[in-house]
């Protein structure tokens, strides 16, 4: 990080603040204005924090891969404008002779990696190639999407705004890891935009054309950067969209038939999507899932001696589906509740472990207060709870089973964290409503 980064950063923050303030002034709801303002400044602070972390504490893909190669391509284009053609090729077709660091040669074969490198190159033209400012651009993309995700839940549950804000806007892990030149900010941004656009465009019927275009762009970006988010998210979100319309039907029998039919469609869509994305996703295709998990686990085991943050699920995996089911509880637990305090060996994992501990205590609190039966009944009856819980659990299974390194896990898991917490919040709120109703009946 150069002195010019520090000098230019306040100027860029000032300009961005003018833009977002103008947008904020169009918001009539004072509650939304309040959260928009403070969420913006939290993202600004987190951008500084992750930049310091990546430059001075823990070098990673953000600095050694994405920025190094994106900035390198930026300088090549400045020297010879004809080289701008390389922005429009696939990663596998990029000339190996133009790579800045020979160590990164293999990474260009992935379109997911090359997509982020393209963005770094493009943003370099607007930031003079300054790393801190590029991080700021990535952070703002994430902020706009996370804000849309907050709006999605707030529009449905305005009375829960404080809890929704904590779950989405101010969740430490999400805020921090969606603030730098990485895939994660782009994914969080697109996930939020996709959710809001689909809901408002196809359920609320507002700005259908605009929201339809936004949905397509968000889906396209996710299909390139992290397609497994799509096939673990879309089926359950579509199921939610269909279920909320079932309430218009009074017949319980027809409702039951429709739920079964829609669930079958969701499962079929899950499988179909994985088949369609097989070429782009490689080892993430559904039929190769068990093989992928086994290979990933072996890689982490082989690196365990060198990686301080490597860990074990404590369950052997032999590549079979039955074995996958056996490791499921351990994998889900790893994603949602690990690293434990005693497993933290770095500042980044220590902060994550404190968040994980808090989430574990909240989960146990909700389970204890609601009871297993009420928990499951709410999960089945409430479409939003079903959607949030099923997506977060499936995603947690996949990430926990394939990522045996805490340093990587704390980044990869952020898409599912707000949804898991929202499911718990909604179950707890339903419990409170039922308790209040029971007390009123007792008084009467």
Protein backbone atom coordinates (compact mmCIF):
# COMPACT_ATOMS: atom_id res chain seq x y z
CA UNK A 1 0.00 0.00 0.00
CA UNK A 2 1.52 3.28 -1.17
CA UNK A 3 1.36 6.80 0.27
CA UNK A 4 -0.78 7.84 -2.69
CA UNK A 5 -3.35 5.20 -1.66
CA UNK A 6 -3.74 6.93 1.69
CA UNK A 7 -3.93 10.37 0.07
CA UNK A 8 -6.49 9.40 -2.58
CA UNK A 9 -8.65 7.20 -0.35
CA UNK A 10 -10.44 10.08 1.48
CA UNK A 11 -11.15 11.75 -1.88
CA UNK A 12 -12.75 8.61 -3.33
CA UNK A 13 -14.70 8.04 -0.11
CA UNK A 14 -15.97 11.63 -0.32
CA UNK A 15 -17.14 11.15 -3.91
CA UNK A 16 -18.80 7.82 -3.11
CA UNK A 17 -20.46 9.36 -0.08
CA UNK A 18 -21.93 12.08 -2.31
CA UNK A 19 -23.36 9.41 -4.62
CA UNK A 20 -24.82 7.26 -1.85
CA UNK A 21 -26.11 10.30 0.05
CA UNK A 22 -28.00 11.38 -3.07
CA UNK A 23 -29.53 7.91 -3.27
CA UNK A 24 -30.29 7.97 0.46
CA UNK A 25 -32.11 11.28 0.19
CA UNK A 26 -34.65 9.60 -2.09
CA UNK A 27 -35.51 7.10 0.67
CA UNK A 28 -38.58 8.22 2.64
CA UNK A 29 -38.38 5.64 5.43
CA UNK A 30 -36.21 7.09 8.29
CA UNK A 31 -35.33 3.58 9.46
CA UNK A 32 -33.88 2.70 6.06
CA UNK A 33 -32.02 6.01 5.92
CA UNK A 34 -30.42 5.29 9.28
CA UNK A 35 -29.20 1.82 8.35
CA UNK A 36 -28.04 2.84 4.88
CA UNK A 37 -25.84 5.58 6.32
CA UNK A 38 -24.18 3.48 9.00
CA UNK A 39 -23.83 0.38 6.83
CA UNK A 40 -21.99 2.49 4.25
CA UNK A 41 -19.47 3.76 6.78
CA UNK A 42 -18.98 0.30 8.25
CA UNK A 43 -18.02 -0.90 4.75
CA UNK A 44 -15.56 1.97 4.39
CA UNK A 45 -13.87 1.01 7.66
CA UNK A 46 -13.86 -2.68 6.72
CA UNK A 47 -12.18 -1.81 3.39
CA UNK A 48 -9.30 -0.20 5.29
CA UNK A 49 -9.18 -3.16 7.67
CA UNK A 50 -9.01 -5.86 5.01
CA UNK A 51 -6.42 -3.90 3.03
CA UNK A 52 -4.16 -3.68 6.08
CA UNK A 53 -4.80 -7.37 6.74
CA UNK A 54 -3.95 -8.45 3.18
CA UNK A 55 -0.86 -6.25 2.86
CA UNK A 56 0.73 -6.48 6.30
CA UNK A 57 -0.69 -9.52 8.08
CA UNK A 58 -1.67 -12.30 5.69
CA UNK A 59 -0.92 -12.26 1.97
CA UNK A 60 -3.45 -14.18 -0.09
CA UNK A 61 -5.25 -14.37 -3.42
CA UNK A 62 -6.35 -10.75 -3.17
CA UNK A 63 -2.79 -9.42 -3.38
CA UNK A 64 -0.71 -12.21 -4.92
CA UNK A 65 -3.20 -13.32 -7.61
CA UNK A 66 -6.04 -10.95 -8.42
CA UNK A 67 -4.31 -7.63 -7.85
CA UNK A 68 -0.93 -8.76 -9.16
CA UNK A 69 -2.33 -10.07 -12.44
CA UNK A 70 -5.08 -7.48 -12.86
CA UNK A 71 -2.65 -4.63 -12.27
CA UNK A 72 -0.14 -6.31 -14.58
CA UNK A 73 -2.71 -6.46 -17.38
CA UNK A 74 -3.62 -2.83 -16.69
CA UNK A 75 0.00 -1.76 -17.20
CA UNK A 76 0.27 -3.83 -20.39
CA UNK A 77 -2.77 -2.06 -21.84
CA UNK A 78 -1.35 1.33 -20.88
CA UNK A 79 1.86 0.47 -22.75
CA UNK A 80 0.04 -1.00 -25.76
CA UNK A 81 -3.68 -0.30 -26.13
CA UNK A 82 -4.07 -3.23 -28.56
CA UNK A 83 -3.58 -5.57 -25.60
CA UNK A 84 -7.06 -4.60 -24.40
CA UNK A 85 -8.16 -7.61 -26.50
CA UNK A 86 -7.01 -9.87 -23.65
CA UNK A 87 -9.83 -8.56 -21.49
CA UNK A 88 -12.34 -10.31 -23.75
CA UNK A 89 -10.82 -13.80 -24.02
CA UNK A 90 -11.43 -16.79 -21.78
CA UNK A 91 -8.91 -17.49 -19.08
CA UNK A 92 -7.61 -20.62 -20.79
CA UNK A 93 -6.88 -18.58 -23.93
CA UNK A 94 -4.93 -15.87 -22.14
CA UNK A 95 -1.30 -15.76 -23.28
CA UNK A 96 0.92 -17.32 -20.65
CA UNK A 97 3.71 -14.94 -21.67
CA UNK A 98 1.71 -11.99 -20.30
CA UNK A 99 1.35 -13.36 -16.77
CA UNK A 100 3.09 -11.17 -14.21
CA UNK A 101 3.96 -13.97 -11.79
CA UNK A 102 4.78 -17.39 -13.25
CA UNK A 103 3.45 -18.95 -10.05
CA UNK A 104 -0.05 -17.88 -11.15
CA UNK A 105 -0.03 -19.66 -14.52
CA UNK A 106 -2.44 -22.43 -13.57
CA UNK A 107 -4.98 -20.04 -12.08
CA UNK A 108 -5.75 -18.43 -15.43
CA UNK A 109 -7.41 -21.61 -16.69
CA UNK A 110 -10.30 -20.84 -14.35
CA UNK A 111 -12.83 -18.35 -15.74
CA UNK A 112 -13.84 -17.64 -12.16
CA UNK A 113 -10.35 -16.35 -11.34
CA UNK A 114 -9.97 -14.54 -14.65
CA UNK A 115 -13.31 -12.76 -14.13
CA UNK A 116 -11.97 -11.13 -10.94
CA UNK A 117 -8.70 -10.28 -12.70
CA UNK A 118 -10.73 -8.55 -15.42
CA UNK A 119 -12.55 -6.48 -12.81
CA UNK A 120 -9.27 -5.48 -11.13
CA UNK A 121 -7.95 -4.40 -14.54
CA UNK A 122 -11.07 -2.35 -15.32
CA UNK A 123 -11.13 -0.75 -11.87
CA UNK A 124 -7.44 0.08 -12.23
CA UNK A 125 -8.32 2.59 -14.96
CA UNK A 126 -10.56 4.44 -12.48
CA UNK A 127 -8.19 4.17 -9.50
CA UNK A 128 -4.78 4.63 -11.16
CA UNK A 129 -4.00 1.04 -10.17
CA UNK A 130 -4.07 1.66 -6.40
CA UNK A 131 -4.82 -1.47 -4.38
CA UNK A 132 -6.73 0.26 -1.55
CA UNK A 133 -8.99 2.03 -4.03
CA UNK A 134 -9.62 -1.18 -5.99
CA UNK A 135 -10.64 -2.83 -2.72
CA UNK A 136 -13.00 0.08 -2.18
CA UNK A 137 -14.74 -0.58 -5.51
CA UNK A 138 -15.17 -4.27 -4.70
CA UNK A 139 -16.48 -3.33 -1.27
CA UNK A 140 -19.09 -0.98 -2.73
CA UNK A 141 -20.35 -3.67 -5.13
CA UNK A 142 -20.84 -5.94 -2.12
CA UNK A 143 -22.48 -3.13 -0.14
CA UNK A 144 -25.13 -2.48 -2.80
CA UNK A 145 -26.07 -6.16 -2.94
CA UNK A 146 -26.04 -6.69 0.83
CA UNK A 147 -28.24 -3.61 1.16
CA UNK A 148 -30.70 -5.12 -1.31
CA UNK A 149 -30.73 -8.34 0.72
CA UNK A 150 -31.49 -6.28 3.83
CA UNK A 151 -34.30 -4.53 1.94
CA UNK A 152 -35.73 -7.90 0.90
CA UNK A 153 -36.13 -9.04 4.51
CA UNK A 154 -37.04 -5.58 5.83
CA UNK A 155 -39.91 -5.20 3.34
CA UNK A 156 -41.42 -8.41 4.71
CA UNK A 157 -40.53 -8.01 8.41
CA UNK A 158 -40.15 -4.24 9.07
CA UNK A 159 -40.73 -4.71 12.81
CA UNK A 160 -37.58 -6.86 13.01
CA UNK A 161 -35.27 -4.24 11.50
CA UNK A 162 -32.72 -4.29 14.33
CA UNK A 163 -32.29 -8.05 14.20
CA UNK A 164 -32.23 -8.12 10.39
CA UNK A 165 -29.55 -5.42 10.37
CA UNK A 166 -27.38 -7.43 12.76
CA UNK A 167 -27.83 -10.59 10.68
CA UNK A 168 -27.10 -8.99 7.32
CA UNK A 169 -25.60 -5.49 7.41
CA UNK A 170 -23.36 -5.76 10.47
CA UNK A 171 -22.39 -9.42 10.72
CA UNK A 172 -18.57 -9.17 11.24
CA UNK A 173 -17.53 -12.08 9.02
CA UNK A 174 -19.74 -10.94 6.14
CA UNK A 175 -18.70 -7.30 6.47
CA UNK A 176 -14.97 -8.06 6.58
CA UNK A 177 -14.65 -10.72 3.88
CA UNK A 178 -16.88 -8.87 1.42
CA UNK A 179 -14.60 -5.84 1.38
CA UNK A 180 -11.60 -6.66 -0.82
CA UNK A 181 -10.50 -7.72 -4.29
CA UNK A 182 -11.80 -11.28 -3.99
CA UNK A 183 -14.63 -13.41 -5.35
CA UNK A 184 -16.60 -13.13 -2.11
CA UNK A 185 -17.66 -9.45 -2.42
CA UNK A 186 -18.88 -10.06 -5.97
CA UNK A 187 -20.84 -13.14 -4.90
CA UNK A 188 -22.45 -11.39 -1.93
CA UNK A 189 -23.32 -8.43 -4.11
CA UNK A 190 -24.88 -10.54 -6.84
CA UNK A 191 -26.70 -12.79 -4.34
CA UNK A 192 -28.39 -9.75 -2.80
CA UNK A 193 -29.28 -8.15 -6.13
CA UNK A 194 -30.62 -11.44 -7.49
CA UNK A 195 -32.81 -12.05 -4.45
CA UNK A 196 -34.27 -8.55 -4.41
CA UNK A 197 -34.78 -8.37 -8.17
CA UNK A 198 -36.50 -11.74 -8.51
CA UNK A 199 -38.79 -11.07 -5.53
CA UNK A 200 -39.81 -7.57 -6.59
CA UNK A 201 -39.89 -8.26 -10.31
CA UNK A 202 -41.80 -11.53 -10.33
CA UNK A 203 -43.78 -11.50 -7.06
CA UNK A 204 -44.37 -7.80 -6.33
CA UNK A 205 -44.62 -7.10 -10.08
CA UNK A 206 -42.67 -3.82 -9.76
CA UNK A 207 -40.28 -2.73 -12.53
CA UNK A 208 -40.51 -6.23 -13.98
CA UNK A 209 -38.32 -5.55 -17.00
CA UNK A 210 -35.55 -3.82 -15.03
CA UNK A 211 -35.59 -6.41 -12.27
CA UNK A 212 -35.62 -9.17 -14.86
CA UNK A 213 -32.47 -7.79 -16.47
CA UNK A 214 -30.79 -7.39 -13.08
CA UNK A 215 -31.69 -10.99 -12.21
CA UNK A 216 -30.16 -12.30 -15.43
CA UNK A 217 -26.94 -10.31 -14.93
CA UNK A 218 -26.61 -11.46 -11.31
CA UNK A 219 -27.24 -15.11 -12.25
CA UNK A 220 -24.73 -14.85 -15.11
CA UNK A 221 -22.02 -13.43 -12.86
CA UNK A 222 -22.61 -16.06 -10.17
CA UNK A 223 -22.57 -18.83 -12.78
CA UNK A 224 -19.03 -17.74 -13.66
CA UNK A 225 -17.56 -16.83 -10.29
CA UNK A 226 -19.14 -19.39 -7.93
CA UNK A 227 -21.80 -21.47 -9.70
CA UNK A 228 -22.30 -23.80 -6.73
CA UNK A 229 -24.00 -20.87 -4.97
CA UNK A 230 -26.63 -20.91 -7.71
CA UNK A 231 -27.53 -24.60 -7.54
CA UNK A 232 -27.67 -24.55 -3.74
CA UNK A 233 -29.69 -21.30 -3.61
CA UNK A 234 -32.04 -20.94 -6.57
CA UNK A 235 -34.10 -24.15 -6.06
CA UNK A 236 -34.99 -23.18 -2.50
CA UNK A 237 -35.62 -19.54 -3.36
CA UNK A 238 -37.88 -20.55 -6.24
CA UNK A 239 -39.62 -22.98 -3.87
CA UNK A 240 -40.18 -20.08 -1.48
CA UNK A 241 -41.59 -17.89 -4.26
CA UNK A 242 -44.05 -20.62 -5.18
CA UNK A 243 -45.02 -21.48 -1.60
CA UNK A 244 -45.96 -17.91 -0.69
CA UNK A 245 -48.52 -18.02 -3.48
CA UNK A 246 -50.03 -21.25 -2.15
CA UNK A 247 -51.52 -19.25 0.74
CA UNK A 248 -54.12 -17.98 -1.71
CA UNK A 249 -55.48 -21.52 -1.89
CA UNK A 250 -57.83 -22.47 0.95
CA UNK A 251 -57.91 -26.25 0.42
CA UNK A 252 -55.36 -28.01 2.64
CA UNK A 253 -55.37 -31.03 0.34
CA UNK A 254 -54.50 -28.95 -2.74
CA UNK A 255 -51.83 -27.13 -0.73
CA UNK A 256 -50.23 -30.43 0.28
CA UNK A 257 -50.25 -31.70 -3.32
CA UNK A 258 -48.69 -28.47 -4.55
CA UNK A 259 -45.97 -28.49 -1.88
CA UNK A 260 -45.03 -32.06 -2.83
CA UNK A 261 -45.06 -31.21 -6.53
CA UNK A 262 -43.01 -28.02 -6.05
CA UNK A 263 -40.51 -29.86 -3.83
CA UNK A 264 -40.08 -32.47 -6.55
CA UNK A 265 -39.52 -29.69 -9.07
CA UNK A 266 -36.94 -28.10 -6.77
CA UNK A 267 -35.00 -31.36 -6.44
CA UNK A 268 -35.24 -31.91 -10.19
CA UNK A 269 -34.10 -28.37 -10.83
CA UNK A 270 -31.16 -28.90 -8.48
CA UNK A 271 -30.01 -31.93 -10.46
CA UNK A 272 -30.72 -30.34 -13.86
CA UNK A 273 -28.81 -27.19 -12.96
CA UNK A 274 -25.77 -29.16 -11.84
CA UNK A 275 -25.81 -31.07 -15.14
CA UNK A 276 -26.07 -27.87 -17.18
CA UNK A 277 -23.23 -26.28 -15.25
CA UNK A 278 -21.01 -29.34 -15.29
CA UNK A 279 -18.68 -28.01 -17.97
CA UNK A 280 -18.13 -24.71 -16.15
CA UNK A 281 -18.12 -26.18 -12.65
CA UNK A 282 -15.88 -29.15 -13.23
CA UNK A 283 -15.55 -31.04 -9.95
CA UNK A 284 -18.47 -29.13 -8.44
CA UNK A 285 -21.02 -30.94 -10.63
CA UNK A 286 -23.51 -32.87 -8.54
CA UNK A 287 -22.65 -36.28 -9.91
CA UNK A 288 -19.00 -35.59 -9.13
CA UNK A 289 -19.67 -34.15 -5.70
CA UNK A 290 -18.41 -37.10 -3.69
CA UNK A 291 -15.26 -37.36 -5.81
CA UNK A 292 -14.69 -33.63 -5.43
CA UNK A 293 -15.05 -33.80 -1.65
CA UNK A 294 -12.60 -36.69 -1.41
CA UNK A 295 -10.04 -34.90 -3.59
CA UNK A 296 -10.41 -31.64 -1.70
CA UNK A 297 -10.05 -33.37 1.66
CA UNK A 298 -6.94 -35.21 0.50
CA UNK A 299 -5.42 -31.92 -0.65
CA UNK A 300 -5.99 -30.28 2.70
CA UNK A 301 -4.68 -33.33 4.56
CA UNK A 302 -1.52 -33.30 2.45
CA UNK A 303 -1.01 -29.61 3.28
CA UNK A 304 -1.82 -29.97 6.96
CA UNK A 305 1.81 -29.90 8.10
CA UNK A 306 2.37 -26.60 6.31
CA UNK A 307 -0.94 -24.94 7.04
CA UNK A 308 -1.50 -23.89 10.65
CA UNK A 309 -5.23 -23.46 10.08
CA UNK A 310 -5.90 -26.92 8.64
CA UNK A 311 -8.35 -29.08 10.58
CA UNK A 312 -10.13 -32.43 10.47
CA UNK A 313 -13.83 -33.21 10.56
CA UNK A 314 -13.07 -36.19 12.76
CA UNK A 315 -14.99 -38.47 10.40
CA UNK A 316 -13.43 -40.60 7.68
CA UNK A 317 -14.74 -40.11 4.17
CA UNK A 318 -14.40 -42.92 1.60
CA UNK A 319 -16.17 -41.25 -1.34
CA UNK A 320 -19.52 -43.03 -0.99
CA UNK A 321 -22.89 -41.33 -0.56
CA UNK A 322 -23.44 -43.14 2.74
CA UNK A 323 -20.14 -41.75 3.94
CA UNK A 324 -21.22 -38.28 2.81
CA UNK A 325 -24.31 -38.58 4.99
CA UNK A 326 -22.10 -39.58 7.93
CA UNK A 327 -19.87 -36.55 7.61
CA UNK A 328 -22.83 -34.19 7.07
CA UNK A 329 -23.30 -33.26 10.76
CA UNK A 330 -19.57 -32.63 11.20
CA UNK A 331 -19.36 -30.63 7.95
CA UNK A 332 -22.37 -28.45 8.79
CA UNK A 333 -21.05 -27.91 12.31
CA UNK A 334 -17.65 -26.89 10.93
CA UNK A 335 -19.16 -24.28 8.64
CA UNK A 336 -21.56 -22.75 11.13
CA UNK A 337 -19.78 -23.13 14.48
CA UNK A 338 -16.06 -23.56 13.88
CA UNK A 339 -13.32 -22.58 14.44
CA UNK A 340 -13.73 -23.04 18.18
CA UNK A 341 -11.90 -20.61 20.45
CA UNK A 342 -9.08 -23.08 21.17
CA UNK A 343 -8.62 -23.77 17.46
CA UNK A 344 -7.82 -20.15 16.59
CA UNK A 345 -4.16 -19.52 15.84
CA UNK A 346 -4.51 -16.23 13.95
CA UNK A 347 -6.27 -12.93 14.52
CA UNK A 348 -8.64 -13.53 11.61
CA UNK A 349 -9.74 -16.95 12.87
CA UNK A 350 -9.97 -15.68 16.46
CA UNK A 351 -12.52 -13.06 15.47
CA UNK A 352 -14.41 -15.66 13.45
CA UNK A 353 -14.38 -18.08 16.38
CA UNK A 354 -15.99 -15.47 18.64
CA UNK A 355 -18.73 -14.98 16.07
CA UNK A 356 -19.14 -18.75 15.69
CA UNK A 357 -19.41 -19.16 19.46
CA UNK A 358 -22.09 -16.47 19.61
CA UNK A 359 -24.01 -18.17 16.79
CA UNK A 360 -23.77 -21.55 18.51
CA UNK A 361 -25.15 -20.10 21.76
CA UNK A 362 -27.99 -18.40 19.88
CA UNK A 363 -28.80 -21.64 18.04
CA UNK A 364 -28.91 -23.59 21.32
CA UNK A 365 -31.04 -20.84 22.88
CA UNK A 366 -33.61 -21.00 20.07
CA UNK A 367 -33.68 -24.81 20.14
CA UNK A 368 -34.10 -24.82 23.94
CA UNK A 369 -36.82 -22.16 24.00
CA UNK A 370 -38.74 -23.37 20.97
CA UNK A 371 -38.24 -27.10 21.39
CA UNK A 372 -37.41 -29.54 18.61
CA UNK A 373 -41.06 -30.12 17.68
CA UNK A 374 -41.94 -26.42 17.33
CA UNK A 375 -38.65 -25.84 15.48
CA UNK A 376 -39.51 -28.49 12.89
CA UNK A 377 -43.17 -27.48 12.59
CA UNK A 378 -42.18 -23.86 11.91
CA UNK A 379 -39.61 -25.04 9.39
CA UNK A 380 -42.32 -26.90 7.47
CA UNK A 381 -45.08 -24.29 7.76
CA UNK A 382 -43.18 -21.06 7.20
CA UNK A 383 -41.92 -20.73 3.57
CA UNK A 384 -39.30 -18.12 4.50
CA UNK A 385 -37.88 -20.24 7.31
CA UNK A 386 -37.83 -23.27 5.03
CA UNK A 387 -36.01 -21.35 2.29
CA UNK A 388 -33.41 -19.77 4.59
CA UNK A 389 -32.75 -22.92 6.61
CA UNK A 390 -32.54 -25.42 3.73
CA UNK A 391 -30.25 -23.21 1.66
CA UNK A 392 -27.92 -22.47 4.56
CA UNK A 393 -27.72 -26.12 5.63
CA UNK A 394 -27.05 -27.43 2.11
CA UNK A 395 -24.45 -24.74 1.53
CA UNK A 396 -22.86 -25.41 4.93
CA UNK A 397 -22.65 -29.13 4.09
CA UNK A 398 -20.85 -28.50 0.82
CA UNK A 399 -18.42 -25.91 2.20
CA UNK A 400 -17.73 -27.80 5.43
CA UNK A 401 -17.08 -31.06 3.59
CA UNK A 402 -14.66 -29.59 1.05
CA UNK A 403 -12.84 -26.86 2.97
CA UNK A 404 -10.59 -28.16 5.73
CA UNK A 405 -8.76 -24.91 6.39
CA UNK A 406 -10.17 -22.26 8.71
CA UNK A 407 -8.54 -19.41 6.81
CA UNK A 408 -10.47 -20.41 3.69
CA UNK A 409 -13.62 -21.58 5.50
CA UNK A 410 -14.30 -18.20 7.13
CA UNK A 411 -14.46 -16.63 3.64
CA UNK A 412 -16.33 -19.36 1.79
CA UNK A 413 -19.14 -19.64 4.31
CA UNK A 414 -20.36 -16.02 4.30
CA UNK A 415 -23.19 -16.47 1.72
CA UNK A 416 -25.11 -18.81 4.02
CA UNK A 417 -24.55 -17.06 7.36
CA UNK A 418 -27.21 -14.30 7.07
CA UNK A 419 -29.81 -16.84 5.95
CA UNK A 420 -29.12 -19.28 8.78
CA UNK A 421 -29.34 -16.48 11.33
CA UNK A 422 -32.55 -15.18 9.75
CA UNK A 423 -34.10 -18.65 10.01
CA UNK A 424 -33.29 -18.72 13.73
CA UNK A 425 -34.63 -15.19 14.24
CA UNK A 426 -37.91 -16.02 12.53
CA UNK A 427 -38.37 -19.26 14.46
CA UNK A 428 -37.72 -17.41 17.71
CA UNK A 429 -40.20 -14.68 16.76
CA UNK A 430 -42.87 -17.29 15.94
CA UNK A 431 -42.20 -18.82 19.36
CA UNK A 432 -42.74 -15.46 21.05
CA UNK A 433 -46.00 -14.88 19.16
CA UNK A 434 -47.30 -18.31 20.14
CA UNK A 435 -46.30 -17.75 23.77
CA UNK A 436 -48.06 -14.35 23.86
CA UNK A 437 -51.19 -15.85 22.30
CA UNK A 438 -51.22 -18.68 24.86
CA UNK A 439 -50.89 -16.21 27.74
CA UNK A 440 -53.82 -14.15 26.42
CA UNK A 441 -55.97 -17.27 26.12
CA UNK A 442 -55.05 -18.23 29.66
CA UNK A 443 -56.13 -14.81 30.95
CA UNK A 444 -59.45 -15.02 29.09
